[in-house]
Amino acid sequence: MAASRSIDSKQLSDHARIWYSLKCAIASSSGFRSWKSELAEGDMDNTSLDALVRRYLRETLETLAY
């Protein structure tokens, strides 16, 4: 049985702050900007920066794993 951990609001706040900083650093990187410029216009319609960064990370890790 998996252990369940409770996350208090301070931890959540810390996690949110870390993700925000990481997301901003990734979004300002040349690799992300290059990747984003190659996306079709339709791929970015109504897509949040959060979702784009997650997709970029997923695709980058898939490429590295290959």
PDB file of N, CA and C in Angstrom:
ATOM      1  N   MET A   1       0.839  -1.171   0.000  1.00  0.00           N
ATOM      2  CA  MET A   1       0.000   0.000   0.000  1.00  0.00           C
ATOM      3  C   MET A   1       0.885   1.235   0.000  1.00  0.00           C
ATOM      4  N   ALA A   2       0.576   2.172  -0.863  1.00  0.00           N
ATOM      5  CA  ALA A   2       1.368   3.398  -0.982  1.00  0.00           C
ATOM      6  C   ALA A   2       1.105   4.318   0.199  1.00  0.00           C
ATOM      7  N   ALA A   3       2.164   4.946   0.653  1.00  0.00           N
ATOM      8  CA  ALA A   3       2.027   5.894   1.753  1.00  0.00           C
ATOM      9  C   ALA A   3       1.465   7.203   1.220  1.00  0.00           C
ATOM     10  N   SER A   4       0.575   7.775   1.961  1.00  0.00           N
ATOM     11  CA  SER A   4      -0.021   9.047   1.580  1.00  0.00           C
ATOM     12  C   SER A   4       0.632  10.143   2.397  1.00  0.00           C
ATOM     13  N   ARG A   5       1.070  11.190   1.713  1.00  0.00           N
ATOM     14  CA  ARG A   5       1.683  12.306   2.425  1.00  0.00           C
ATOM     15  C   ARG A   5       0.809  13.528   2.273  1.00  0.00           C
ATOM     16  N   SER A   6       0.666  14.242   3.345  1.00  0.00           N
ATOM     17  CA  SER A   6      -0.114  15.468   3.331  1.00  0.00           C
ATOM     18  C   SER A   6       0.829  16.631   3.040  1.00  0.00           C
ATOM     19  N   ILE A   7       0.418  17.510   2.167  1.00  0.00           N
ATOM     20  CA  ILE A   7       1.216  18.688   1.846  1.00  0.00           C
ATOM     21  C   ILE A   7       0.509  19.899   2.433  1.00  0.00           C
ATOM     22  N   ASP A   8       1.203  20.594   3.331  1.00  0.00           N
ATOM     23  CA  ASP A   8       0.588  21.779   3.914  1.00  0.00           C
ATOM     24  C   ASP A   8       0.742  22.961   2.957  1.00  0.00           C
ATOM     25  N   SER A   9       0.084  24.059   3.268  1.00  0.00           N
ATOM     26  CA  SER A   9       0.057  25.206   2.361  1.00  0.00           C
ATOM     27  C   SER A   9       1.438  25.818   2.160  1.00  0.00           C
ATOM     28  N   LYS A  10       2.305  25.775   3.167  1.00  0.00           N
ATOM     29  CA  LYS A  10       3.662  26.320   3.007  1.00  0.00           C
ATOM     30  C   LYS A  10       4.436  25.495   2.002  1.00  0.00           C
ATOM     31  N   GLN A  11       4.334  24.150   2.094  1.00  0.00           N
ATOM     32  CA  GLN A  11       5.023  23.298   1.135  1.00  0.00           C
ATOM     33  C   GLN A  11       4.487  23.539  -0.273  1.00  0.00           C
ATOM     34  N   LEU A  12       3.174  23.651  -0.384  1.00  0.00           N
ATOM     35  CA  LEU A  12       2.564  23.900  -1.687  1.00  0.00           C
ATOM     36  C   LEU A  12       3.056  25.231  -2.232  1.00  0.00           C
ATOM     37  N   SER A  13       3.135  26.221  -1.387  1.00  0.00           N
ATOM     38  CA  SER A  13       3.623  27.531  -1.788  1.00  0.00           C
ATOM     39  C   SER A  13       5.078  27.428  -2.257  1.00  0.00           C
ATOM     40  N   ASP A  14       5.891  26.669  -1.529  1.00  0.00           N
ATOM     41  CA  ASP A  14       7.291  26.476  -1.917  1.00  0.00           C
ATOM     42  C   ASP A  14       7.374  25.771  -3.265  1.00  0.00           C
ATOM     43  N   HIS A  15       6.558  24.736  -3.453  1.00  0.00           N
ATOM     44  CA  HIS A  15       6.552  23.999  -4.713  1.00  0.00           C
ATOM     45  C   HIS A  15       6.111  24.909  -5.856  1.00  0.00           C
ATOM     46  N   ALA A  16       5.095  25.703  -5.626  1.00  0.00           N
ATOM     47  CA  ALA A  16       4.593  26.611  -6.652  1.00  0.00           C
ATOM     48  C   ALA A  16       5.652  27.649  -7.019  1.00  0.00           C
ATOM     49  N   ARG A  17       6.355  28.152  -6.034  1.00  0.00           N
ATOM     50  CA  ARG A  17       7.402  29.151  -6.277  1.00  0.00           C
ATOM     51  C   ARG A  17       8.561  28.531  -7.062  1.00  0.00           C
ATOM     52  N   ILE A  18       8.934  27.309  -6.712  1.00  0.00           N
ATOM     53  CA  ILE A  18      10.015  26.617  -7.424  1.00  0.00           C
ATOM     54  C   ILE A  18       9.599  26.357  -8.869  1.00  0.00           C
ATOM     55  N   TRP A  19       8.361  25.848  -9.072  1.00  0.00           N
ATOM     56  CA  TRP A  19       7.898  25.582 -10.430  1.00  0.00           C
ATOM     57  C   TRP A  19       7.852  26.871 -11.246  1.00  0.00           C
ATOM     58  N   TYR A  20       7.388  27.957 -10.651  1.00  0.00           N
ATOM     59  CA  TYR A  20       7.323  29.234 -11.356  1.00  0.00           C
ATOM     60  C   TYR A  20       8.719  29.668 -11.805  1.00  0.00           C
ATOM     61  N   SER A  21       9.699  29.579 -10.916  1.00  0.00           N
ATOM     62  CA  SER A  21      11.072  29.972 -11.250  1.00  0.00           C
ATOM     63  C   SER A  21      11.644  29.084 -12.348  1.00  0.00           C
ATOM     64  N   LEU A  22      11.411  27.784 -12.230  1.00  0.00           N
ATOM     65  CA  LEU A  22      11.900  26.841 -13.230  1.00  0.00           C
ATOM     66  C   LEU A  22      11.235  27.091 -14.579  1.00  0.00           C
ATOM     67  N   LYS A  23       9.927  27.293 -14.559  1.00  0.00           N
ATOM     68  CA  LYS A  23       9.171  27.555 -15.783  1.00  0.00           C
ATOM     69  C   LYS A  23       9.692  28.813 -16.478  1.00  0.00           C
ATOM     70  N   CYS A  24       9.941  29.858 -15.729  1.00  0.00           N
ATOM     71  CA  CYS A  24      10.451  31.104 -16.308  1.00  0.00           C
ATOM     72  C   CYS A  24      11.844  30.902 -16.905  1.00  0.00           C
ATOM     73  N   ALA A  25      12.700  30.168 -16.212  1.00  0.00           N
ATOM     74  CA  ALA A  25      14.055  29.913 -16.714  1.00  0.00           C
ATOM     75  C   ALA A  25      14.007  29.102 -18.006  1.00  0.00           C
ATOM     76  N   ILE A  26      13.159  28.087 -18.043  1.00  0.00           N
ATOM     77  CA  ILE A  26      13.036  27.261 -19.243  1.00  0.00           C
ATOM     78  C   ILE A  26      12.476  28.083 -20.394  1.00  0.00           C
ATOM     79  N   ALA A  27      11.430  28.869 -20.128  1.00  0.00           N
ATOM     80  CA  ALA A  27      10.782  29.671 -21.173  1.00  0.00           C
ATOM     81  C   ALA A  27      11.730  30.706 -21.767  1.00  0.00           C
ATOM     82  N   SER A  28      12.707  31.143 -21.010  1.00  0.00           N
ATOM     83  CA  SER A  28      13.643  32.142 -21.530  1.00  0.00           C
ATOM     84  C   SER A  28      14.871  31.500 -22.187  1.00  0.00           C
ATOM     85  N   SER A  29      14.963  30.178 -22.163  1.00  0.00           N
ATOM     86  CA  SER A  29      16.119  29.506 -22.754  1.00  0.00           C
ATOM     87  C   SER A  29      16.027  29.488 -24.275  1.00  0.00           C
ATOM     88  N   SER A  30      17.179  29.449 -24.917  1.00  0.00           N
ATOM     89  CA  SER A  30      17.208  29.419 -26.381  1.00  0.00           C
ATOM     90  C   SER A  30      16.608  28.128 -26.919  1.00  0.00           C
ATOM     91  N   GLY A  31      16.788  27.026 -26.214  1.00  0.00           N
ATOM     92  CA  GLY A  31      16.225  25.749 -26.646  1.00  0.00           C
ATOM     93  C   GLY A  31      14.705  25.786 -26.687  1.00  0.00           C
ATOM     94  N   PHE A  32      14.100  26.349 -25.661  1.00  0.00           N
ATOM     95  CA  PHE A  32      12.643  26.451 -25.617  1.00  0.00           C
ATOM     96  C   PHE A  32      12.145  27.384 -26.715  1.00  0.00           C
ATOM     97  N   ARG A  33      12.798  28.533 -26.865  1.00  0.00           N
ATOM     98  CA  ARG A  33      12.368  29.485 -27.891  1.00  0.00           C
ATOM     99  C   ARG A  33      12.469  28.878 -29.283  1.00  0.00           C
ATOM    100  N   SER A  34      13.530  28.127 -29.531  1.00  0.00           N
ATOM    101  CA  SER A  34      13.695  27.470 -30.832  1.00  0.00           C
ATOM    102  C   SER A  34      12.613  26.416 -31.036  1.00  0.00           C
ATOM    103  N   TRP A  35      12.371  25.604 -30.013  1.00  0.00           N
ATOM    104  CA  TRP A  35      11.338  24.568 -30.069  1.00  0.00           C
ATOM    105  C   TRP A  35       9.973  25.197 -30.327  1.00  0.00           C
ATOM    106  N   LYS A  36       9.687  26.273 -29.624  1.00  0.00           N
ATOM    107  CA  LYS A  36       8.393  26.941 -29.754  1.00  0.00           C
ATOM    108  C   LYS A  36       8.212  27.532 -31.145  1.00  0.00           C
ATOM    109  N   SER A  37       9.286  28.039 -31.733  1.00  0.00           N
ATOM    110  CA  SER A  37       9.185  28.637 -33.069  1.00  0.00           C
ATOM    111  C   SER A  37       8.888  27.582 -34.133  1.00  0.00           C
ATOM    112  N   GLU A  38       9.192  26.326 -33.850  1.00  0.00           N
ATOM    113  CA  GLU A  38       8.935  25.242 -34.791  1.00  0.00           C
ATOM    114  C   GLU A  38       7.522  24.674 -34.675  1.00  0.00           C
ATOM    115  N   LEU A  39       6.802  25.048 -33.631  1.00  0.00           N
ATOM    116  CA  LEU A  39       5.436  24.557 -33.459  1.00  0.00           C
ATOM    117  C   LEU A  39       4.505  25.200 -34.480  1.00  0.00           C
ATOM    118  N   ALA A  40       3.526  24.439 -34.911  1.00  0.00           N
ATOM    119  CA  ALA A  40       2.500  24.993 -35.794  1.00  0.00           C
ATOM    120  C   ALA A  40       1.632  25.945 -34.986  1.00  0.00           C
ATOM    121  N   GLU A  41       1.098  26.953 -35.641  1.00  0.00           N
ATOM    122  CA  GLU A  41       0.235  27.933 -34.960  1.00  0.00           C
ATOM    123  C   GLU A  41      -0.884  27.257 -34.187  1.00  0.00           C
ATOM    124  N   GLY A  42      -1.498  26.242 -34.775  1.00  0.00           N
ATOM    125  CA  GLY A  42      -2.614  25.543 -34.134  1.00  0.00           C
ATOM    126  C   GLY A  42      -2.215  24.818 -32.863  1.00  0.00           C
ATOM    127  N   ASP A  43      -0.930  24.479 -32.739  1.00  0.00           N
ATOM    128  CA  ASP A  43      -0.453  23.783 -31.540  1.00  0.00           C
ATOM    129  C   ASP A  43      -0.383  24.696 -30.327  1.00  0.00           C
ATOM    130  N   MET A  44      -0.398  25.996 -30.574  1.00  0.00           N
ATOM    131  CA  MET A  44      -0.255  26.937 -29.464  1.00  0.00           C
ATOM    132  C   MET A  44      -1.542  27.679 -29.138  1.00  0.00           C
ATOM    133  N   ASP A  45      -2.605  27.474 -29.908  1.00  0.00           N
ATOM    134  CA  ASP A  45      -3.867  28.165 -29.652  1.00  0.00           C
ATOM    135  C   ASP A  45      -4.357  27.900 -28.233  1.00  0.00           C
ATOM    136  N   ASN A  46      -4.532  28.976 -27.485  1.00  0.00           N
ATOM    137  CA  ASN A  46      -5.071  28.892 -26.121  1.00  0.00           C
ATOM    138  C   ASN A  46      -4.278  27.944 -25.227  1.00  0.00           C
ATOM    139  N   THR A  47      -2.986  27.799 -25.482  1.00  0.00           N
ATOM    140  CA  THR A  47      -2.145  26.936 -24.670  1.00  0.00           C
ATOM    141  C   THR A  47      -1.367  27.805 -23.694  1.00  0.00           C
ATOM    142  N   SER A  48      -1.449  27.473 -22.423  1.00  0.00           N
ATOM    143  CA  SER A  48      -0.763  28.257 -21.402  1.00  0.00           C
ATOM    144  C   SER A  48       0.745  28.004 -21.455  1.00  0.00           C
ATOM    145  N   LEU A  49       1.498  28.937 -20.910  1.00  0.00           N
ATOM    146  CA  LEU A  49       2.943  28.768 -20.825  1.00  0.00           C
ATOM    147  C   LEU A  49       3.264  27.517 -20.016  1.00  0.00           C
ATOM    148  N   ASP A  50       2.503  27.279 -18.979  1.00  0.00           N
ATOM    149  CA  ASP A  50       2.695  26.092 -18.151  1.00  0.00           C
ATOM    150  C   ASP A  50       2.599  24.823 -19.003  1.00  0.00           C
ATOM    151  N   ALA A  51       1.570  24.740 -19.820  1.00  0.00           N
ATOM    152  CA  ALA A  51       1.377  23.556 -20.662  1.00  0.00           C
ATOM    153  C   ALA A  51       2.478  23.437 -21.713  1.00  0.00           C
ATOM    154  N   LEU A  52       2.912  24.560 -22.279  1.00  0.00           N
ATOM    155  CA  LEU A  52       3.984  24.521 -23.272  1.00  0.00           C
ATOM    156  C   LEU A  52       5.301  24.050 -22.658  1.00  0.00           C
ATOM    157  N   VAL A  53       5.626  24.534 -21.470  1.00  0.00           N
ATOM    158  CA  VAL A  53       6.860  24.129 -20.800  1.00  0.00           C
ATOM    159  C   VAL A  53       6.801  22.642 -20.460  1.00  0.00           C
ATOM    160  N   ARG A  54       5.666  22.167 -19.978  1.00  0.00           N
ATOM    161  CA  ARG A  54       5.530  20.749 -19.671  1.00  0.00           C
ATOM    162  C   ARG A  54       5.700  19.896 -20.925  1.00  0.00           C
ATOM    163  N   ARG A  55       5.101  20.339 -22.033  1.00  0.00           N
ATOM    164  CA  ARG A  55       5.225  19.600 -23.301  1.00  0.00           C
ATOM    165  C   ARG A  55       6.680  19.602 -23.773  1.00  0.00           C
ATOM    166  N   TYR A  56       7.329  20.762 -23.677  1.00  0.00           N
ATOM    167  CA  TYR A  56       8.739  20.876 -24.067  1.00  0.00           C
ATOM    168  C   TYR A  56       9.602  19.914 -23.244  1.00  0.00           C
ATOM    169  N   LEU A  57       9.388  19.895 -21.938  1.00  0.00           N
ATOM    170  CA  LEU A  57      10.162  18.998 -21.078  1.00  0.00           C
ATOM    171  C   LEU A  57       9.906  17.540 -21.427  1.00  0.00           C
ATOM    172  N   ARG A  58       8.640  17.184 -21.641  1.00  0.00           N
ATOM    173  CA  ARG A  58       8.284  15.804 -21.990  1.00  0.00           C
ATOM    174  C   ARG A  58       8.955  15.390 -23.302  1.00  0.00           C
ATOM    175  N   GLU A  59       8.838  16.240 -24.327  1.00  0.00           N
ATOM    176  CA  GLU A  59       9.419  15.912 -25.629  1.00  0.00           C
ATOM    177  C   GLU A  59      10.941  15.859 -25.561  1.00  0.00           C
ATOM    178  N   THR A  60      11.551  16.756 -24.797  1.00  0.00           N
ATOM    179  CA  THR A  60      12.994  16.746 -24.648  1.00  0.00           C
ATOM    180  C   THR A  60      13.468  15.477 -23.959  1.00  0.00           C
ATOM    181  N   LEU A  61      12.771  15.078 -22.893  1.00  0.00           N
ATOM    182  CA  LEU A  61      13.156  13.856 -22.193  1.00  0.00           C
ATOM    183  C   LEU A  61      12.929  12.615 -23.063  1.00  0.00           C
ATOM    184  N   GLU A  62      11.856  12.620 -23.847  1.00  0.00           N
ATOM    185  CA  GLU A  62      11.627  11.493 -24.759  1.00  0.00           C
ATOM    186  C   GLU A  62      12.741  11.389 -25.780  1.00  0.00           C
ATOM    187  N   THR A  63      13.205  12.524 -26.275  1.00  0.00           N
ATOM    188  CA  THR A  63      14.304  12.534 -27.241  1.00  0.00           C
ATOM    189  C   THR A  63      15.583  12.024 -26.606  1.00  0.00           C
ATOM    190  N   LEU A  64      15.848  12.462 -25.390  1.00  0.00           N
ATOM    191  CA  LEU A  64      17.051  12.014 -24.698  1.00  0.00           C
ATOM    192  C   LEU A  64      17.005  10.524 -24.365  1.00  0.00           C
ATOM    193  N   ALA A  65      15.825  10.028 -24.064  1.00  0.00           N
ATOM    194  CA  ALA A  65      15.679   8.616 -23.716  1.00  0.00           C
ATOM    195  C   ALA A  65      15.829   7.728 -24.939  1.00  0.00           C
ATOM    196  N   TYR A  66      15.568   8.292 -26.117  1.00  0.00           N
ATOM    197  CA  TYR A  66      15.643   7.523 -27.348  1.00  0.00           C
ATOM    198  C   TYR A  66      17.076   7.257 -27.661  1.00  0.00           C
TER     199      TYR A  66
END
